[in-house]
Amino acid sequence: MKVIVDLCVVPLGVGISVSKYVAACETILTGAGLKTSLHAYGTNIEGEWEDVFTAIKQCHEKVHEMGAPRITTTIKMGTRTDRDQTMEDKIRSVEEKLN
């Protein structure tokens, strides 16, 4: 099953800047062959359910390995069974209505 996820992984106990942890997760996600779109407060991910959630687990493992004693993660996700839909489709639909 295809899924679109909005992921925000926040390492705690590592100081104020978290960009190196975000970069490590982005490397894992793209290395897994997932389609991603990085934004200011997270990453949108598109792919097969198992692939996406395996990569999210790997992100947690990596961030802990990098020294974060605690992680809080927010996940918003959606699936459809009536048709295939991409992240671009969702954005295009809203943009068309704005025009």
PDB file of N, CA and C in Angstrom:
ATOM      1  N   MET A   1       0.843  -1.171   0.000  1.00  0.00           N
ATOM      2  CA  MET A   1       0.000   0.000   0.000  1.00  0.00           C
ATOM      3  C   MET A   1       0.892   1.239   0.000  1.00  0.00           C
ATOM      4  N   LYS A   2       0.557   2.183  -0.860  1.00  0.00           N
ATOM      5  CA  LYS A   2       1.284   3.460  -0.908  1.00  0.00           C
ATOM      6  C   LYS A   2       0.836   4.350   0.243  1.00  0.00           C
ATOM      7  N   VAL A   3       1.792   5.152   0.751  1.00  0.00           N
ATOM      8  CA  VAL A   3       1.501   6.072   1.836  1.00  0.00           C
ATOM      9  C   VAL A   3       2.248   7.373   1.593  1.00  0.00           C
ATOM     10  N   ILE A   4       1.636   8.478   2.001  1.00  0.00           N
ATOM     11  CA  ILE A   4       2.315   9.773   2.036  1.00  0.00           C
ATOM     12  C   ILE A   4       2.381  10.173   3.502  1.00  0.00           C
ATOM     13  N   VAL A   5       3.597  10.471   3.956  1.00  0.00           N
ATOM     14  CA  VAL A   5       3.847  10.762   5.365  1.00  0.00           C
ATOM     15  C   VAL A   5       4.484  12.128   5.499  1.00  0.00           C
ATOM     16  N   ASP A   6       4.077  12.864   6.519  1.00  0.00           N
ATOM     17  CA  ASP A   6       4.772  14.079   6.934  1.00  0.00           C
ATOM     18  C   ASP A   6       5.472  13.723   8.234  1.00  0.00           C
ATOM     19  N   LEU A   7       6.798  13.727   8.212  1.00  0.00           N
ATOM     20  CA  LEU A   7       7.619  13.253   9.326  1.00  0.00           C
ATOM     21  C   LEU A   7       8.409  14.399   9.941  1.00  0.00           C
ATOM     22  N   CYS A   8       8.395  14.453  11.265  1.00  0.00           N
ATOM     23  CA  CYS A   8       9.224  15.413  11.993  1.00  0.00           C
ATOM     24  C   CYS A   8       9.881  14.676  13.158  1.00  0.00           C
ATOM     25  N   VAL A   9      11.171  14.432  13.034  1.00  0.00           N
ATOM     26  CA  VAL A   9      11.955  13.746  14.058  1.00  0.00           C
ATOM     27  C   VAL A   9      12.741  14.801  14.828  1.00  0.00           C
ATOM     28  N   VAL A  10      12.547  14.848  16.146  1.00  0.00           N
ATOM     29  CA  VAL A  10      13.209  15.861  16.965  1.00  0.00           C
ATOM     30  C   VAL A  10      14.041  15.170  18.053  1.00  0.00           C
ATOM     31  N   PRO A  11      15.369  15.206  17.908  1.00  0.00           N
ATOM     32  CA  PRO A  11      16.211  14.649  18.962  1.00  0.00           C
ATOM     33  C   PRO A  11      16.225  15.577  20.172  1.00  0.00           C
ATOM     34  N   LEU A  12      16.143  15.007  21.356  1.00  0.00           N
ATOM     35  CA  LEU A  12      16.166  15.792  22.594  1.00  0.00           C
ATOM     36  C   LEU A  12      17.468  15.526  23.336  1.00  0.00           C
ATOM     37  N   GLY A  13      17.936  16.542  24.029  1.00  0.00           N
ATOM     38  CA  GLY A  13      19.153  16.396  24.811  1.00  0.00           C
ATOM     39  C   GLY A  13      20.430  16.537  24.006  1.00  0.00           C
ATOM     40  N   VAL A  14      20.339  17.207  22.835  1.00  0.00           N
ATOM     41  CA  VAL A  14      21.504  17.339  21.966  1.00  0.00           C
ATOM     42  C   VAL A  14      21.859  18.797  21.665  1.00  0.00           C
ATOM     43  N   GLY A  15      21.208  19.729  22.329  1.00  0.00           N
ATOM     44  CA  GLY A  15      21.459  21.141  22.057  1.00  0.00           C
ATOM     45  C   GLY A  15      20.395  21.722  21.156  1.00  0.00           C
ATOM     46  N   ILE A  16      20.643  22.942  20.712  1.00  0.00           N
ATOM     47  CA  ILE A  16      19.626  23.677  19.964  1.00  0.00           C
ATOM     48  C   ILE A  16      19.563  23.286  18.488  1.00  0.00           C
ATOM     49  N   SER A  17      20.704  23.168  17.830  1.00  0.00           N
ATOM     50  CA  SER A  17      20.717  22.855  16.404  1.00  0.00           C
ATOM     51  C   SER A  17      20.526  21.353  16.181  1.00  0.00           C
ATOM     52  N   VAL A  18      19.613  21.017  15.278  1.00  0.00           N
ATOM     53  CA  VAL A  18      19.364  19.603  14.980  1.00  0.00           C
ATOM     54  C   VAL A  18      19.599  19.272  13.505  1.00  0.00           C
ATOM     55  N   SER A  19      20.167  20.193  12.753  1.00  0.00           N
ATOM     56  CA  SER A  19      20.301  19.999  11.307  1.00  0.00           C
ATOM     57  C   SER A  19      21.132  18.774  10.940  1.00  0.00           C
ATOM     58  N   LYS A  20      22.150  18.437  11.730  1.00  0.00           N
ATOM     59  CA  LYS A  20      22.951  17.253  11.377  1.00  0.00           C
ATOM     60  C   LYS A  20      22.134  15.973  11.521  1.00  0.00           C
ATOM     61  N   TYR A  21      21.175  15.970  12.433  1.00  0.00           N
ATOM     62  CA  TYR A  21      20.306  14.808  12.616  1.00  0.00           C
ATOM     63  C   TYR A  21      19.289  14.723  11.481  1.00  0.00           C
ATOM     64  N   VAL A  22      18.777  15.876  11.086  1.00  0.00           N
ATOM     65  CA  VAL A  22      17.854  15.932   9.948  1.00  0.00           C
ATOM     66  C   VAL A  22      18.565  15.445   8.688  1.00  0.00           C
ATOM     67  N   ALA A  23      19.794  15.882   8.475  1.00  0.00           N
ATOM     68  CA  ALA A  23      20.568  15.457   7.310  1.00  0.00           C
ATOM     69  C   ALA A  23      20.793  13.953   7.320  1.00  0.00           C
ATOM     70  N   ALA A  24      21.069  13.390   8.488  1.00  0.00           N
ATOM     71  CA  ALA A  24      21.280  11.943   8.599  1.00  0.00           C
ATOM     72  C   ALA A  24      20.004  11.190   8.217  1.00  0.00           C
ATOM     73  N   CYS A  25      18.864  11.683   8.675  1.00  0.00           N
ATOM     74  CA  CYS A  25      17.584  11.049   8.325  1.00  0.00           C
ATOM     75  C   CYS A  25      17.295  11.198   6.837  1.00  0.00           C
ATOM     76  N   GLU A  26      17.559  12.370   6.287  1.00  0.00           N
ATOM     77  CA  GLU A  26      17.325  12.593   4.856  1.00  0.00           C
ATOM     78  C   GLU A  26      18.168  11.625   4.025  1.00  0.00           C
ATOM     79  N   THR A  27      19.392  11.373   4.444  1.00  0.00           N
ATOM     80  CA  THR A  27      20.266  10.423   3.750  1.00  0.00           C
ATOM     81  C   THR A  27      19.669   9.019   3.784  1.00  0.00           C
ATOM     82  N   ILE A  28      19.126   8.635   4.920  1.00  0.00           N
ATOM     83  CA  ILE A  28      18.492   7.321   5.048  1.00  0.00           C
ATOM     84  C   ILE A  28      17.270   7.225   4.141  1.00  0.00           C
ATOM     85  N   LEU A  29      16.421   8.237   4.161  1.00  0.00           N
ATOM     86  CA  LEU A  29      15.191   8.212   3.373  1.00  0.00           C
ATOM     87  C   LEU A  29      15.466   8.141   1.880  1.00  0.00           C
ATOM     88  N   THR A  30      16.376   8.974   1.408  1.00  0.00           N
ATOM     89  CA  THR A  30      16.691   8.957  -0.028  1.00  0.00           C
ATOM     90  C   THR A  30      17.455   7.689  -0.399  1.00  0.00           C
ATOM     91  N   GLY A  31      18.302   7.217   0.521  1.00  0.00           N
ATOM     92  CA  GLY A  31      19.031   5.971   0.278  1.00  0.00           C
ATOM     93  C   GLY A  31      18.108   4.768   0.166  1.00  0.00           C
ATOM     94  N   ALA A  32      16.927   4.864   0.780  1.00  0.00           N
ATOM     95  CA  ALA A  32      15.932   3.799   0.706  1.00  0.00           C
ATOM     96  C   ALA A  32      15.119   3.880  -0.590  1.00  0.00           C
ATOM     97  N   GLY A  33      15.429   4.883  -1.414  1.00  0.00           N
ATOM     98  CA  GLY A  33      14.729   5.033  -2.680  1.00  0.00           C
ATOM     99  C   GLY A  33      13.374   5.702  -2.553  1.00  0.00           C
ATOM    100  N   LEU A  34      13.148   6.363  -1.419  1.00  0.00           N
ATOM    101  CA  LEU A  34      11.864   7.025  -1.194  1.00  0.00           C
ATOM    102  C   LEU A  34      11.870   8.421  -1.783  1.00  0.00           C
ATOM    103  N   LYS A  35      10.723   8.856  -2.231  1.00  0.00           N
ATOM    104  CA  LYS A  35      10.566  10.217  -2.734  1.00  0.00           C
ATOM    105  C   LYS A  35      10.353  11.114  -1.512  1.00  0.00           C
ATOM    106  N   THR A  36      11.161  12.169  -1.396  1.00  0.00           N
ATOM    107  CA  THR A  36      11.064  13.056  -0.240  1.00  0.00           C
ATOM    108  C   THR A  36      10.981  14.509  -0.671  1.00  0.00           C
ATOM    109  N   SER A  37      10.432  15.307   0.220  1.00  0.00           N
ATOM    110  CA  SER A  37      10.402  16.750   0.031  1.00  0.00           C
ATOM    111  C   SER A  37      10.645  17.384   1.397  1.00  0.00           C
ATOM    112  N   LEU A  38      11.848  17.873   1.577  1.00  0.00           N
ATOM    113  CA  LEU A  38      12.238  18.508   2.837  1.00  0.00           C
ATOM    114  C   LEU A  38      11.554  19.868   2.943  1.00  0.00           C
ATOM    115  N   HIS A  39      11.013  20.179   4.118  1.00  0.00           N
ATOM    116  CA  HIS A  39      10.442  21.504   4.342  1.00  0.00           C
ATOM    117  C   HIS A  39      10.927  22.022   5.691  1.00  0.00           C
ATOM    118  N   ALA A  40      10.544  23.203   6.062  1.00  0.00           N
ATOM    119  CA  ALA A  40      11.127  23.886   7.216  1.00  0.00           C
ATOM    120  C   ALA A  40      10.939  23.145   8.535  1.00  0.00           C
ATOM    121  N   TYR A  41       9.875  22.378   8.672  1.00  0.00           N
ATOM    122  CA  TYR A  41       9.616  21.687   9.936  1.00  0.00           C
ATOM    123  C   TYR A  41       9.380  20.206   9.757  1.00  0.00           C
ATOM    124  N   GLY A  42      10.033  19.617   8.756  1.00  0.00           N
ATOM    125  CA  GLY A  42       9.892  18.179   8.565  1.00  0.00           C
ATOM    126  C   GLY A  42      10.196  17.763   7.141  1.00  0.00           C
ATOM    127  N   THR A  43       9.762  16.550   6.836  1.00  0.00           N
ATOM    128  CA  THR A  43       9.973  15.977   5.516  1.00  0.00           C
ATOM    129  C   THR A  43       8.724  15.235   5.092  1.00  0.00           C
ATOM    130  N   ASN A  44       8.272  15.486   3.868  1.00  0.00           N
ATOM    131  CA  ASN A  44       7.209  14.675   3.282  1.00  0.00           C
ATOM    132  C   ASN A  44       7.863  13.487   2.610  1.00  0.00           C
ATOM    133  N   ILE A  45       7.252  12.322   2.766  1.00  0.00           N
ATOM    134  CA  ILE A  45       7.791  11.079   2.213  1.00  0.00           C
ATOM    135  C   ILE A  45       6.674  10.363   1.472  1.00  0.00           C
ATOM    136  N   GLU A  46       7.023   9.797   0.330  1.00  0.00           N
ATOM    137  CA  GLU A  46       6.065   9.027  -0.458  1.00  0.00           C
ATOM    138  C   GLU A  46       6.687   7.685  -0.796  1.00  0.00           C
ATOM    139  N   GLY A  47       5.934   6.612  -0.586  1.00  0.00           N
ATOM    140  CA  GLY A  47       6.443   5.287  -0.936  1.00  0.00           C
ATOM    141  C   GLY A  47       5.540   4.192  -0.438  1.00  0.00           C
ATOM    142  N   GLU A  48       6.029   2.973  -0.556  1.00  0.00           N
ATOM    143  CA  GLU A  48       5.294   1.825  -0.043  1.00  0.00           C
ATOM    144  C   GLU A  48       5.372   1.806   1.476  1.00  0.00           C
ATOM    145  N   TRP A  49       4.278   1.428   2.122  1.00  0.00           N
ATOM    146  CA  TRP A  49       4.145   1.441   3.582  1.00  0.00           C
ATOM    147  C   TRP A  49       5.360   0.833   4.274  1.00  0.00           C
ATOM    148  N   GLU A  50       5.706  -0.390   3.946  1.00  0.00           N
ATOM    149  CA  GLU A  50       6.809  -1.092   4.621  1.00  0.00           C
ATOM    150  C   GLU A  50       8.133  -0.356   4.432  1.00  0.00           C
ATOM    151  N   ASP A  51       8.377   0.135   3.237  1.00  0.00           N
ATOM    152  CA  ASP A  51       9.630   0.845   2.956  1.00  0.00           C
ATOM    153  C   ASP A  51       9.724   2.136   3.766  1.00  0.00           C
ATOM    154  N   VAL A  52       8.616   2.873   3.828  1.00  0.00           N
ATOM    155  CA  VAL A  52       8.603   4.146   4.555  1.00  0.00           C
ATOM    156  C   VAL A  52       8.843   3.916   6.042  1.00  0.00           C
ATOM    157  N   PHE A  53       8.118   2.973   6.626  1.00  0.00           N
ATOM    158  CA  PHE A  53       8.240   2.789   8.072  1.00  0.00           C
ATOM    159  C   PHE A  53       9.522   2.070   8.477  1.00  0.00           C
ATOM    160  N   THR A  54      10.090   1.282   7.586  1.00  0.00           N
ATOM    161  CA  THR A  54      11.418   0.720   7.837  1.00  0.00           C
ATOM    162  C   THR A  54      12.445   1.842   7.880  1.00  0.00           C
ATOM    163  N   ALA A  55      12.353   2.782   6.950  1.00  0.00           N
ATOM    164  CA  ALA A  55      13.291   3.909   6.913  1.00  0.00           C
ATOM    165  C   ALA A  55      13.119   4.814   8.135  1.00  0.00           C
ATOM    166  N   ILE A  56      11.877   5.029   8.577  1.00  0.00           N
ATOM    167  CA  ILE A  56      11.655   5.844   9.782  1.00  0.00           C
ATOM    168  C   ILE A  56      12.303   5.177  10.991  1.00  0.00           C
ATOM    169  N   LYS A  57      12.180   3.870  11.102  1.00  0.00           N
ATOM    170  CA  LYS A  57      12.848   3.143  12.192  1.00  0.00           C
ATOM    171  C   LYS A  57      14.358   3.332  12.110  1.00  0.00           C
ATOM    172  N   GLN A  58      14.906   3.250  10.900  1.00  0.00           N
ATOM    173  CA  GLN A  58      16.346   3.447  10.718  1.00  0.00           C
ATOM    174  C   GLN A  58      16.768   4.856  11.102  1.00  0.00           C
ATOM    175  N   CYS A  59      15.910   5.840  10.844  1.00  0.00           N
ATOM    176  CA  CYS A  59      16.193   7.222  11.267  1.00  0.00           C
ATOM    177  C   CYS A  59      16.321   7.278  12.788  1.00  0.00           C
ATOM    178  N   HIS A  60      15.400   6.663  13.487  1.00  0.00           N
ATOM    179  CA  HIS A  60      15.459   6.658  14.946  1.00  0.00           C
ATOM    180  C   HIS A  60      16.734   5.983  15.430  1.00  0.00           C
ATOM    181  N   GLU A  61      17.045   4.851  14.844  1.00  0.00           N
ATOM    182  CA  GLU A  61      18.254   4.128  15.251  1.00  0.00           C
ATOM    183  C   GLU A  61      19.498   4.980  15.028  1.00  0.00           C
ATOM    184  N   LYS A  62      19.570   5.651  13.889  1.00  0.00           N
ATOM    185  CA  LYS A  62      20.733   6.482  13.558  1.00  0.00           C
ATOM    186  C   LYS A  62      20.852   7.677  14.499  1.00  0.00           C
ATOM    187  N   VAL A  63      19.746   8.356  14.768  1.00  0.00           N
ATOM    188  CA  VAL A  63      19.776   9.533  15.636  1.00  0.00           C
ATOM    189  C   VAL A  63      20.190   9.138  17.061  1.00  0.00           C
ATOM    190  N   HIS A  64      19.716   8.003  17.542  1.00  0.00           N
ATOM    191  CA  HIS A  64      20.187   7.509  18.841  1.00  0.00           C
ATOM    192  C   HIS A  64      21.676   7.199  18.795  1.00  0.00           C
ATOM    193  N   GLU A  65      22.105   6.560  17.721  1.00  0.00           N
ATOM    194  CA  GLU A  65      23.524   6.227  17.539  1.00  0.00           C
ATOM    195  C   GLU A  65      24.392   7.484  17.529  1.00  0.00           C
ATOM    196  N   MET A  66      23.833   8.592  17.049  1.00  0.00           N
ATOM    197  CA  MET A  66      24.553   9.864  16.990  1.00  0.00           C
ATOM    198  C   MET A  66      24.603  10.566  18.348  1.00  0.00           C
ATOM    199  N   GLY A  67      23.949   9.986  19.351  1.00  0.00           N
ATOM    200  CA  GLY A  67      24.060  10.537  20.688  1.00  0.00           C
ATOM    201  C   GLY A  67      22.799  11.103  21.308  1.00  0.00           C
ATOM    202  N   ALA A  68      21.693  11.082  20.589  1.00  0.00           N
ATOM    203  CA  ALA A  68      20.446  11.601  21.159  1.00  0.00           C
ATOM    204  C   ALA A  68      19.875  10.569  22.136  1.00  0.00           C
ATOM    205  N   PRO A  69      19.732  10.952  23.407  1.00  0.00           N
ATOM    206  CA  PRO A  69      19.197   9.999  24.371  1.00  0.00           C
ATOM    207  C   PRO A  69      17.687   9.824  24.259  1.00  0.00           C
ATOM    208  N   ARG A  70      17.031  10.790  23.616  1.00  0.00           N
ATOM    209  CA  ARG A  70      15.579  10.760  23.502  1.00  0.00           C
ATOM    210  C   ARG A  70      15.173  11.397  22.176  1.00  0.00           C
ATOM    211  N   ILE A  71      14.093  10.883  21.593  1.00  0.00           N
ATOM    212  CA  ILE A  71      13.576  11.420  20.335  1.00  0.00           C
ATOM    213  C   ILE A  71      12.066  11.528  20.449  1.00  0.00           C
ATOM    214  N   THR A  72      11.544  12.647  19.982  1.00  0.00           N
ATOM    215  CA  THR A  72      10.101  12.752  19.830  1.00  0.00           C
ATOM    216  C   THR A  72       9.806  12.913  18.344  1.00  0.00           C
ATOM    217  N   THR A  73       8.845  12.171  17.859  1.00  0.00           N
ATOM    218  CA  THR A  73       8.533  12.167  16.434  1.00  0.00           C
ATOM    219  C   THR A  73       7.049  12.404  16.221  1.00  0.00           C
ATOM    220  N   THR A  74       6.761  13.261  15.250  1.00  0.00           N
ATOM    221  CA  THR A  74       5.388  13.499  14.832  1.00  0.00           C
ATOM    222  C   THR A  74       5.222  12.942  13.429  1.00  0.00           C
ATOM    223  N   ILE A  75       4.174  12.152  13.251  1.00  0.00           N
ATOM    224  CA  ILE A  75       3.874  11.575  11.943  1.00  0.00           C
ATOM    225  C   ILE A  75       2.423  11.878  11.592  1.00  0.00           C
ATOM    226  N   LYS A  76       2.239  12.497  10.427  1.00  0.00           N
ATOM    227  CA  LYS A  76       0.910  12.612   9.822  1.00  0.00           C
ATOM    228  C   LYS A  76       0.985  11.795   8.551  1.00  0.00           C
ATOM    229  N   MET A  77      -0.046  11.024   8.265  1.00  0.00           N
ATOM    230  CA  MET A  77       0.036  10.166   7.090  1.00  0.00           C
ATOM    231  C   MET A  77      -1.332   9.944   6.476  1.00  0.00           C
ATOM    232  N   GLY A  78      -1.300   9.579   5.223  1.00  0.00           N
ATOM    233  CA  GLY A  78      -2.546   9.284   4.531  1.00  0.00           C
ATOM    234  C   GLY A  78      -2.339   8.205   3.489  1.00  0.00           C
ATOM    235  N   THR A  79      -3.397   7.430   3.287  1.00  0.00           N
ATOM    236  CA  THR A  79      -3.412   6.411   2.243  1.00  0.00           C
ATOM    237  C   THR A  79      -4.712   6.547   1.461  1.00  0.00           C
ATOM    238  N   ARG A  80      -4.685   6.036   0.242  1.00  0.00           N
ATOM    239  CA  ARG A  80      -5.888   6.014  -0.596  1.00  0.00           C
ATOM    240  C   ARG A  80      -5.992   4.660  -1.254  1.00  0.00           C
ATOM    241  N   THR A  81      -7.202   4.196  -1.423  1.00  0.00           N
ATOM    242  CA  THR A  81      -7.420   2.950  -2.159  1.00  0.00           C
ATOM    243  C   THR A  81      -8.184   3.179  -3.459  1.00  0.00           C
ATOM    244  N   ASP A  82      -8.739   4.380  -3.631  1.00  0.00           N
ATOM    245  CA  ASP A  82      -9.542   4.642  -4.824  1.00  0.00           C
ATOM    246  C   ASP A  82      -8.703   5.008  -6.041  1.00  0.00           C
ATOM    247  N   ARG A  83      -7.488   5.529  -5.814  1.00  0.00           N
ATOM    248  CA  ARG A  83      -6.604   5.874  -6.933  1.00  0.00           C
ATOM    249  C   ARG A  83      -5.209   6.160  -6.401  1.00  0.00           C
ATOM    250  N   ASP A  84      -4.236   6.150  -7.311  1.00  0.00           N
ATOM    251  CA  ASP A  84      -2.879   6.557  -6.943  1.00  0.00           C
ATOM    252  C   ASP A  84      -2.847   8.071  -6.835  1.00  0.00           C
ATOM    253  N   GLN A  85      -2.134   8.567  -5.822  1.00  0.00           N
ATOM    254  CA  GLN A  85      -1.995  10.008  -5.656  1.00  0.00           C
ATOM    255  C   GLN A  85      -0.584  10.301  -5.168  1.00  0.00           C
ATOM    256  N   THR A  86       0.049  11.298  -5.774  1.00  0.00           N
ATOM    257  CA  THR A  86       1.395  11.690  -5.380  1.00  0.00           C
ATOM    258  C   THR A  86       1.349  12.979  -4.566  1.00  0.00           C
ATOM    259  N   MET A  87       2.490  13.312  -3.979  1.00  0.00           N
ATOM    260  CA  MET A  87       2.585  14.585  -3.255  1.00  0.00           C
ATOM    261  C   MET A  87       2.303  15.743  -4.208  1.00  0.00           C
ATOM    262  N   GLU A  88       2.831  15.641  -5.429  1.00  0.00           N
ATOM    263  CA  GLU A  88       2.628  16.705  -6.423  1.00  0.00           C
ATOM    264  C   GLU A  88       1.154  16.845  -6.790  1.00  0.00           C
ATOM    265  N   ASP A  89       0.443  15.701  -6.883  1.00  0.00           N
ATOM    266  CA  ASP A  89      -0.986  15.747  -7.191  1.00  0.00           C
ATOM    267  C   ASP A  89      -1.743  16.563  -6.147  1.00  0.00           C
ATOM    268  N   LYS A  90      -1.410  16.335  -4.878  1.00  0.00           N
ATOM    269  CA  LYS A  90      -2.100  17.024  -3.791  1.00  0.00           C
ATOM    270  C   LYS A  90      -1.856  18.533  -3.857  1.00  0.00           C
ATOM    271  N   ILE A  91      -0.620  18.917  -4.124  1.00  0.00           N
ATOM    272  CA  ILE A  91      -0.272  20.342  -4.217  1.00  0.00           C
ATOM    273  C   ILE A  91      -0.928  20.979  -5.439  1.00  0.00           C
ATOM    274  N   ARG A  92      -0.858  20.277  -6.572  1.00  0.00           N
ATOM    275  CA  ARG A  92      -1.439  20.792  -7.810  1.00  0.00           C
ATOM    276  C   ARG A  92      -2.946  21.031  -7.653  1.00  0.00           C
ATOM    277  N   SER A  93      -3.642  20.146  -6.958  1.00  0.00           N
ATOM    278  CA  SER A  93      -5.067  20.286  -6.756  1.00  0.00           C
ATOM    279  C   SER A  93      -5.406  21.593  -6.035  1.00  0.00           C
ATOM    280  N   VAL A  94      -4.637  21.923  -5.009  1.00  0.00           N
ATOM    281  CA  VAL A  94      -4.868  23.166  -4.275  1.00  0.00           C
ATOM    282  C   VAL A  94      -4.501  24.377  -5.127  1.00  0.00           C
ATOM    283  N   GLU A  95      -3.364  24.297  -5.825  1.00  0.00           N
ATOM    284  CA  GLU A  95      -2.934  25.421  -6.669  1.00  0.00           C
ATOM    285  C   GLU A  95      -3.942  25.724  -7.763  1.00  0.00           C
ATOM    286  N   GLU A  96      -4.551  24.690  -8.339  1.00  0.00           N
ATOM    287  CA  GLU A  96      -5.570  24.903  -9.380  1.00  0.00           C
ATOM    288  C   GLU A  96      -6.755  25.678  -8.813  1.00  0.00           C
ATOM    289  N   LYS A  97      -7.110  25.390  -7.596  1.00  0.00           N
ATOM    290  CA  LYS A  97      -8.240  26.078  -6.975  1.00  0.00           C
ATOM    291  C   LYS A  97      -7.899  27.523  -6.596  1.00  0.00           C
ATOM    292  N   LEU A  98      -6.628  27.803  -6.424  1.00  0.00           N
ATOM    293  CA  LEU A  98      -6.202  29.179  -6.125  1.00  0.00           C
ATOM    294  C   LEU A  98      -6.213  30.056  -7.376  1.00  0.00           C
ATOM    295  N   ASN A  99      -6.084  29.439  -8.524  1.00  0.00           N
ATOM    296  CA  ASN A  99      -6.050  30.189  -9.793  1.00  0.00           C
ATOM    297  C   ASN A  99      -7.397  30.417 -10.319  1.00  0.00           C
TER     298      ASN A  99
END
